[in-house]
Amino acid sequence: MGIRFVSVPFITFILSFVLFPGSISHAEISDGEGLSFVHPDVSATTNIHFNKYYCTECHLEAEGGEYKELRYDNYTQTCRCHNYTPETYTHPVGITLPPEKRKKIPADFPLENDTITCGTCHILLLQCQADSSVKRFNGSFLRVNPRPSRTAICFRCHSEAKYRMMDPHNQLDHAGNIIEEKCLYCHKKLPDVNRATLDPLQGLEELVAPIGDLNVLCYRCHFKQVKLHPINADHLKKPPQRILNNIRRSERKLGIIMPLDAQGKITCVTCHNPHERGVIQQGKVGAGGAGETGRLRVSKSGDKICLACHRNN
């Protein structure tokens, strides 16, 4: 994804992917190619945690049936299903901390040779216990149970005062000038608001330059969706030609854009305009929906937002 973290995105990304692991897409997990597993029925998408039948995936079996010694001598191999790369992992590991940083790490968050590892934040042996309450209330076997406070583990090492919530949708200052820092929450550089759209034909990377997957950018904060939200109906895909024709027809009729990503897929910003009213000049097609209820590009009254794509032919 190549996502660059600033203060709040860093914390919210941790929350959505560490504390709510069910939200991780299969794209975030290795497909298993080149990985070695002991059990023939295990793949990279198998949840081997809290399952006594899969102990040997991580441990060597000793005499007496005990599992103590790890099969691999590093966490990257032990946690191989999670496909660790600096761009995709939920928190950097393998980083040797300088003395001033080590002072901020609590004693119960162990380092190995002054280096952050998976075991710094996770008690790996918790998943080996028969206590079902651990799986129910701390399924990611974190060193701080996330149930009472989701941010508790983050602020054991990070200063809470430095990570106060910032609303990236408030993009203008009191004088009406664009706050570049807010734009860089989602963009690699400040886009040209007079030219840039998300139409692939106009050059997504050059004009808009998102810092990562458009949907993941939204999930960093909006990781809870109501059951009836269209995202739960598998909307985030390339629309068939009939739907695409409806979208283009609605754009012309309503004077808006319902942009797709560079692969022609529907994203969160197809229906929602993430910009504050005034960032894009009123009257331009990209301004539709800015500042409206739900930031919808088409009003939801009378299911207008749905009919923009699913109109009767």
Protein backbone atom coordinates (compact mmCIF):
# COMPACT_ATOMS: atom_id res chain seq x y z
CA MET A 1 0.00 0.00 0.00
CA GLY A 2 2.85 2.37 0.66
CA ILE A 3 0.88 4.32 3.26
CA ARG A 4 2.72 7.11 5.02
CA PHE A 5 1.60 7.53 8.61
CA VAL A 6 1.12 10.80 10.41
CA SER A 7 -0.01 11.01 13.99
CA VAL A 8 -3.69 10.12 13.96
CA PRO A 9 -3.61 7.80 10.94
CA PHE A 10 -0.86 5.80 12.65
CA ILE A 11 -2.94 5.26 15.78
CA THR A 12 -6.23 4.60 13.97
CA PHE A 13 -4.53 2.15 11.61
CA ILE A 14 -3.22 0.24 14.63
CA LEU A 15 -6.69 0.24 16.18
CA SER A 16 -8.51 -0.98 13.11
CA PHE A 17 -6.06 -3.74 12.17
CA VAL A 18 -4.57 -4.86 15.50
CA LEU A 19 -7.57 -4.55 17.78
CA PHE A 20 -10.10 -5.51 15.13
CA PRO A 21 -8.28 -8.22 13.17
CA GLY A 22 -11.49 -9.32 11.47
CA SER A 23 -11.28 -6.18 9.36
CA ILE A 24 -8.03 -7.26 7.72
CA SER A 25 -8.61 -8.14 4.09
CA HIS A 26 -7.04 -11.17 2.44
CA ALA A 27 -4.93 -8.69 0.49
CA GLU A 28 -3.09 -8.01 3.76
CA ILE A 29 -2.26 -11.69 4.26
CA SER A 30 0.21 -13.73 2.28
CA ASP A 31 -1.30 -16.10 -0.26
CA GLY A 32 0.98 -18.78 1.13
CA GLU A 33 3.29 -18.98 -1.88
CA GLY A 34 6.70 -20.12 -0.74
CA LEU A 35 5.56 -20.66 2.86
CA SER A 36 6.11 -23.93 4.66
CA PHE A 37 3.40 -25.52 6.83
CA VAL A 38 3.45 -28.72 8.86
CA HIS A 39 -0.22 -29.63 8.47
CA PRO A 40 -1.50 -30.29 4.94
CA ASP A 41 -4.79 -28.52 5.69
CA VAL A 42 -3.11 -25.27 6.81
CA SER A 43 -2.67 -22.28 4.53
CA ALA A 44 -1.75 -18.64 5.14
CA THR A 45 -5.42 -17.81 5.74
CA THR A 46 -5.95 -20.49 8.42
CA ASN A 47 -6.31 -19.11 11.94
CA ILE A 48 -3.98 -21.38 13.87
CA HIS A 49 -4.20 -19.36 17.07
CA PHE A 50 -5.96 -20.85 20.13
CA ASN A 51 -6.01 -24.25 18.42
CA LYS A 52 -4.15 -27.11 20.06
CA TYR A 53 -4.01 -29.08 16.82
CA TYR A 54 -1.66 -26.58 15.22
CA CYS A 55 1.01 -26.23 17.92
CA THR A 56 3.69 -27.68 15.67
CA GLU A 57 3.23 -24.88 13.15
CA CYS A 58 5.18 -22.70 15.60
CA HIS A 59 6.80 -25.18 18.01
CA LEU A 60 8.94 -28.29 17.87
CA GLU A 61 7.41 -31.22 19.73
CA ALA A 62 9.56 -32.35 22.63
CA GLU A 63 9.52 -35.65 24.52
CA GLY A 64 6.35 -36.08 26.52
CA GLY A 65 4.30 -34.19 23.99
CA GLU A 66 5.32 -30.75 25.26
CA TYR A 67 5.76 -27.81 22.91
CA LYS A 68 8.39 -25.37 24.12
CA GLU A 69 11.08 -24.63 21.55
CA LEU A 70 10.04 -22.44 18.65
CA ARG A 71 10.42 -23.97 15.20
CA TYR A 72 12.02 -20.79 13.85
CA ASP A 73 14.53 -18.45 15.40
CA ASN A 74 12.83 -15.22 14.36
CA TYR A 75 9.33 -13.78 14.50
CA THR A 76 9.11 -13.04 10.79
CA GLN A 77 9.16 -16.77 10.05
CA THR A 78 7.08 -17.73 13.07
CA CYS A 79 4.43 -15.17 12.11
CA ARG A 80 4.89 -15.91 8.41
CA CYS A 81 1.16 -15.92 7.61
CA HIS A 82 1.00 -12.19 8.30
CA ASN A 83 3.32 -11.39 5.40
CA TYR A 84 5.38 -8.79 7.23
CA THR A 85 6.66 -5.87 5.20
CA PRO A 86 7.14 -2.32 6.51
CA GLU A 87 4.25 -1.14 4.32
CA THR A 88 1.68 -3.75 5.36
CA TYR A 89 2.33 -4.57 9.01
CA THR A 90 0.28 -2.94 11.71
CA HIS A 91 3.29 -1.70 13.66
CA PRO A 92 6.99 -1.58 12.74
CA VAL A 93 9.13 -4.39 14.16
CA GLY A 94 12.79 -5.20 13.87
CA ILE A 95 13.67 -1.65 14.87
CA THR A 96 16.55 -1.14 17.29
CA LEU A 97 15.69 1.77 19.57
CA PRO A 98 18.18 4.41 20.66
CA PRO A 99 18.61 4.96 24.42
CA GLU A 100 16.21 7.94 24.61
CA LYS A 101 13.45 5.88 22.99
CA ARG A 102 14.09 2.80 25.14
CA LYS A 103 13.39 4.86 28.25
CA LYS A 104 9.78 5.30 27.09
CA ILE A 105 9.10 1.56 26.69
CA PRO A 106 7.43 0.04 29.79
CA ALA A 107 9.23 -2.79 31.54
CA ASP A 108 6.39 -5.19 30.74
CA PHE A 109 6.81 -4.53 27.00
CA PRO A 110 10.03 -6.51 26.46
CA LEU A 111 12.58 -5.70 23.80
CA GLU A 112 15.05 -8.20 22.40
CA ASN A 113 18.53 -6.75 22.12
CA ASP A 114 16.92 -3.29 22.36
CA THR A 115 14.76 -4.18 19.35
CA ILE A 116 10.96 -4.14 18.95
CA THR A 117 9.56 -7.55 18.05
CA CYS A 118 6.09 -9.08 17.83
CA GLY A 119 6.56 -10.18 21.44
CA THR A 120 6.93 -6.58 22.57
CA CYS A 121 3.20 -5.98 22.27
CA HIS A 122 1.85 -9.54 22.10
CA ILE A 123 2.07 -12.26 24.76
CA LEU A 124 2.44 -15.07 22.26
CA LEU A 125 1.94 -17.86 24.79
CA LEU A 126 -1.54 -16.60 25.70
CA GLN A 127 -2.90 -18.31 22.59
CA CYS A 128 -1.53 -21.62 23.87
CA GLN A 129 -3.64 -21.53 27.03
CA ALA A 130 -6.97 -23.29 27.45
CA ASP A 131 -8.60 -20.19 28.97
CA SER A 132 -11.46 -19.37 26.59
CA SER A 133 -11.89 -15.91 28.11
CA VAL A 134 -8.55 -14.84 26.61
CA LYS A 135 -9.73 -15.73 23.12
CA ARG A 136 -13.06 -13.99 23.73
CA PHE A 137 -11.77 -10.77 25.27
CA ASN A 138 -8.21 -10.51 23.96
CA GLY A 139 -8.14 -12.41 20.70
CA SER A 140 -4.97 -10.66 19.55
CA PHE A 141 -3.25 -11.67 22.84
CA LEU A 142 -2.05 -8.13 23.46
CA ARG A 143 -0.15 -7.17 26.59
CA VAL A 144 -2.94 -4.72 27.40
CA ASN A 145 -6.46 -6.12 27.15
CA PRO A 146 -8.20 -3.90 24.56
CA ARG A 147 -11.71 -4.45 25.88
CA PRO A 148 -11.87 -1.65 28.50
CA SER A 149 -9.99 0.89 26.33
CA ARG A 150 -9.02 0.35 22.72
CA THR A 151 -6.20 2.88 22.85
CA ALA A 152 -4.70 1.73 26.15
CA ILE A 153 -1.93 -0.30 24.54
CA CYS A 154 -0.97 2.51 22.15
CA PHE A 155 -0.50 5.01 24.94
CA ARG A 156 1.73 2.76 26.99
CA CYS A 157 4.54 3.83 24.65
CA HIS A 158 3.12 6.80 22.72
CA SER A 159 2.21 10.17 24.21
CA GLU A 160 -1.57 10.53 24.20
CA ALA A 161 -1.29 14.32 24.04
CA LYS A 162 0.45 14.04 20.65
CA TYR A 163 -2.28 11.87 19.15
CA ARG A 164 -5.42 13.89 19.74
CA MET A 165 -8.03 13.28 17.08
CA MET A 166 -7.66 15.40 13.99
CA ASP A 167 -10.52 15.71 11.51
CA PRO A 168 -8.91 15.51 8.04
CA HIS A 169 -12.19 16.67 6.46
CA ASN A 170 -11.81 20.18 7.91
CA GLN A 171 -9.46 21.37 5.19
CA LEU A 172 -9.80 25.16 5.23
CA ASP A 173 -8.52 27.67 7.77
CA HIS A 174 -10.49 30.67 9.04
CA ALA A 175 -9.39 32.70 6.02
CA GLY A 176 -10.61 30.04 3.61
CA ASN A 177 -7.15 28.88 2.64
CA ILE A 178 -6.45 25.18 2.10
CA ILE A 179 -4.55 23.55 4.97
CA GLU A 180 -1.91 21.54 3.13
CA GLU A 181 -1.29 19.26 6.12
CA LYS A 182 -4.87 18.02 5.91
CA CYS A 183 -4.49 17.24 2.20
CA LEU A 184 -1.36 15.21 2.91
CA TYR A 185 -3.41 12.95 5.15
CA CYS A 186 -4.58 11.21 1.95
CA HIS A 187 -2.45 12.67 -0.86
CA LYS A 188 1.27 12.44 -1.56
CA LYS A 189 1.22 16.07 -2.63
CA LEU A 190 -1.25 18.94 -2.74
CA PRO A 191 -3.52 18.25 -5.74
CA ASP A 192 -4.51 20.89 -8.26
CA VAL A 193 -8.14 21.36 -7.19
CA ASN A 194 -8.98 23.00 -10.51
CA ARG A 195 -7.89 19.98 -12.56
CA ALA A 196 -7.70 16.87 -10.41
CA THR A 197 -10.40 14.21 -10.42
CA LEU A 198 -10.32 10.49 -9.82
CA ASP A 199 -11.08 9.70 -13.44
CA PRO A 200 -8.40 7.18 -14.51
CA LEU A 201 -8.36 8.74 -17.97
CA GLN A 202 -6.96 11.95 -16.47
CA GLY A 203 -4.10 10.26 -14.65
CA LEU A 204 -4.94 9.22 -11.11
CA GLU A 205 -1.38 9.09 -9.83
CA GLU A 206 -0.28 12.38 -11.40
CA LEU A 207 -3.28 14.52 -10.51
CA VAL A 208 -4.59 13.02 -7.27
CA ALA A 209 -1.65 10.92 -5.98
CA PRO A 210 -3.32 9.04 -3.09
CA ILE A 211 -0.85 7.75 -0.52
CA GLY A 212 -2.39 4.29 -0.57
CA ASP A 213 -5.49 2.23 -1.25
CA LEU A 214 -8.44 4.64 -1.22
CA ASN A 215 -10.65 2.38 0.87
CA VAL A 216 -7.94 1.70 3.45
CA LEU A 217 -7.46 5.46 3.83
CA CYS A 218 -11.10 5.68 4.90
CA TYR A 219 -10.98 2.58 7.09
CA ARG A 220 -8.27 4.13 9.23
CA CYS A 221 -11.00 6.13 10.97
CA HIS A 222 -14.28 4.77 9.61
CA PHE A 223 -13.73 1.14 10.52
CA LYS A 224 -17.25 0.60 11.87
CA GLN A 225 -20.08 0.47 9.35
CA VAL A 226 -23.79 -0.07 9.95
CA LYS A 227 -25.10 -3.41 8.72
CA LEU A 228 -27.10 -1.85 5.91
CA HIS A 229 -24.20 0.15 4.51
CA PRO A 230 -23.58 -0.78 0.85
CA ILE A 231 -19.99 -1.67 1.64
CA ASN A 232 -21.33 -4.80 3.30
CA ALA A 233 -22.96 -5.82 0.01
CA ASP A 234 -19.63 -6.18 -1.78
CA HIS A 235 -19.81 -2.87 -3.64
CA LEU A 236 -16.06 -2.31 -3.78
CA LYS A 237 -15.45 -3.92 -7.13
CA LYS A 238 -15.44 -3.15 -10.83
CA PRO A 239 -19.04 -2.46 -11.87
CA PRO A 240 -20.57 -4.29 -14.83
CA GLN A 241 -21.07 -2.26 -18.00
CA ARG A 242 -24.77 -1.70 -17.29
CA ILE A 243 -24.00 -0.09 -13.91
CA LEU A 244 -21.11 1.87 -15.37
CA ASN A 245 -23.44 3.28 -18.02
CA ASN A 246 -25.86 4.35 -15.29
CA ILE A 247 -23.05 6.06 -13.38
CA ARG A 248 -21.90 8.04 -16.41
CA ARG A 249 -25.51 8.98 -17.23
CA SER A 250 -26.07 10.23 -13.67
CA GLU A 251 -22.84 12.24 -13.77
CA ARG A 252 -23.96 14.07 -16.90
CA LYS A 253 -27.50 14.62 -15.66
CA LEU A 254 -26.56 15.81 -12.15
CA GLY A 255 -23.31 17.63 -12.95
CA ILE A 256 -21.23 15.57 -10.52
CA ILE A 257 -18.52 12.94 -10.61
CA MET A 258 -18.78 9.44 -9.16
CA PRO A 259 -15.12 8.51 -9.57
CA LEU A 260 -13.68 5.02 -9.80
CA ASP A 261 -10.12 4.12 -8.92
CA ALA A 262 -7.30 3.48 -11.37
CA GLN A 263 -8.47 -0.11 -11.82
CA GLY A 264 -12.03 1.00 -12.55
CA LYS A 265 -13.34 -0.19 -9.18
CA ILE A 266 -15.91 1.47 -6.93
CA THR A 267 -14.38 2.98 -3.79
CA CYS A 268 -15.69 4.91 -0.80
CA VAL A 269 -15.19 8.19 -2.66
CA THR A 270 -17.39 7.02 -5.53
CA CYS A 271 -20.40 7.87 -3.36
CA HIS A 272 -18.81 10.16 -0.75
CA ASN A 273 -16.96 13.44 -1.30
CA PRO A 274 -14.25 13.64 1.39
CA HIS A 275 -13.59 17.37 0.83
CA GLU A 276 -14.83 20.33 2.81
CA ARG A 277 -17.19 22.65 0.96
CA GLY A 278 -15.06 25.35 -0.67
CA VAL A 279 -11.95 23.27 -1.31
CA ILE A 280 -13.24 22.59 -4.82
CA GLN A 281 -14.98 25.60 -6.34
CA GLN A 282 -18.76 25.39 -6.36
CA GLY A 283 -20.12 24.62 -9.79
CA LYS A 284 -17.33 22.22 -10.65
CA VAL A 285 -18.32 18.58 -10.94
CA GLY A 286 -15.92 17.59 -8.17
CA ALA A 287 -17.67 19.84 -5.64
CA GLY A 288 -20.89 17.83 -5.48
CA GLY A 289 -21.59 16.41 -2.03
CA ALA A 290 -18.92 18.40 -0.18
CA GLY A 291 -20.27 19.38 3.20
CA GLU A 292 -23.59 17.58 2.64
CA THR A 293 -25.12 15.05 5.04
CA GLY A 294 -22.97 11.94 4.91
CA ARG A 295 -20.83 13.76 2.32
CA LEU A 296 -22.91 11.93 -0.29
CA ARG A 297 -22.42 13.08 -3.87
CA VAL A 298 -26.14 12.44 -4.41
CA SER A 299 -28.80 12.91 -1.72
CA LYS A 300 -29.94 9.73 -0.01
CA SER A 301 -33.54 11.00 0.17
CA GLY A 302 -35.76 8.79 -1.92
CA ASP A 303 -32.81 6.46 -2.46
CA LYS A 304 -31.36 8.90 -4.99
CA ILE A 305 -27.81 7.82 -4.18
CA CYS A 306 -28.75 4.21 -4.94
CA LEU A 307 -30.66 5.07 -8.11
CA ALA A 308 -27.64 6.89 -9.50
CA CYS A 309 -26.22 3.44 -10.20
CA HIS A 310 -29.19 1.11 -9.95
CA ARG A 311 -31.78 3.04 -11.95
CA ASN A 312 -34.37 1.20 -13.97
CA ASN A 313 -33.51 0.99 -17.64
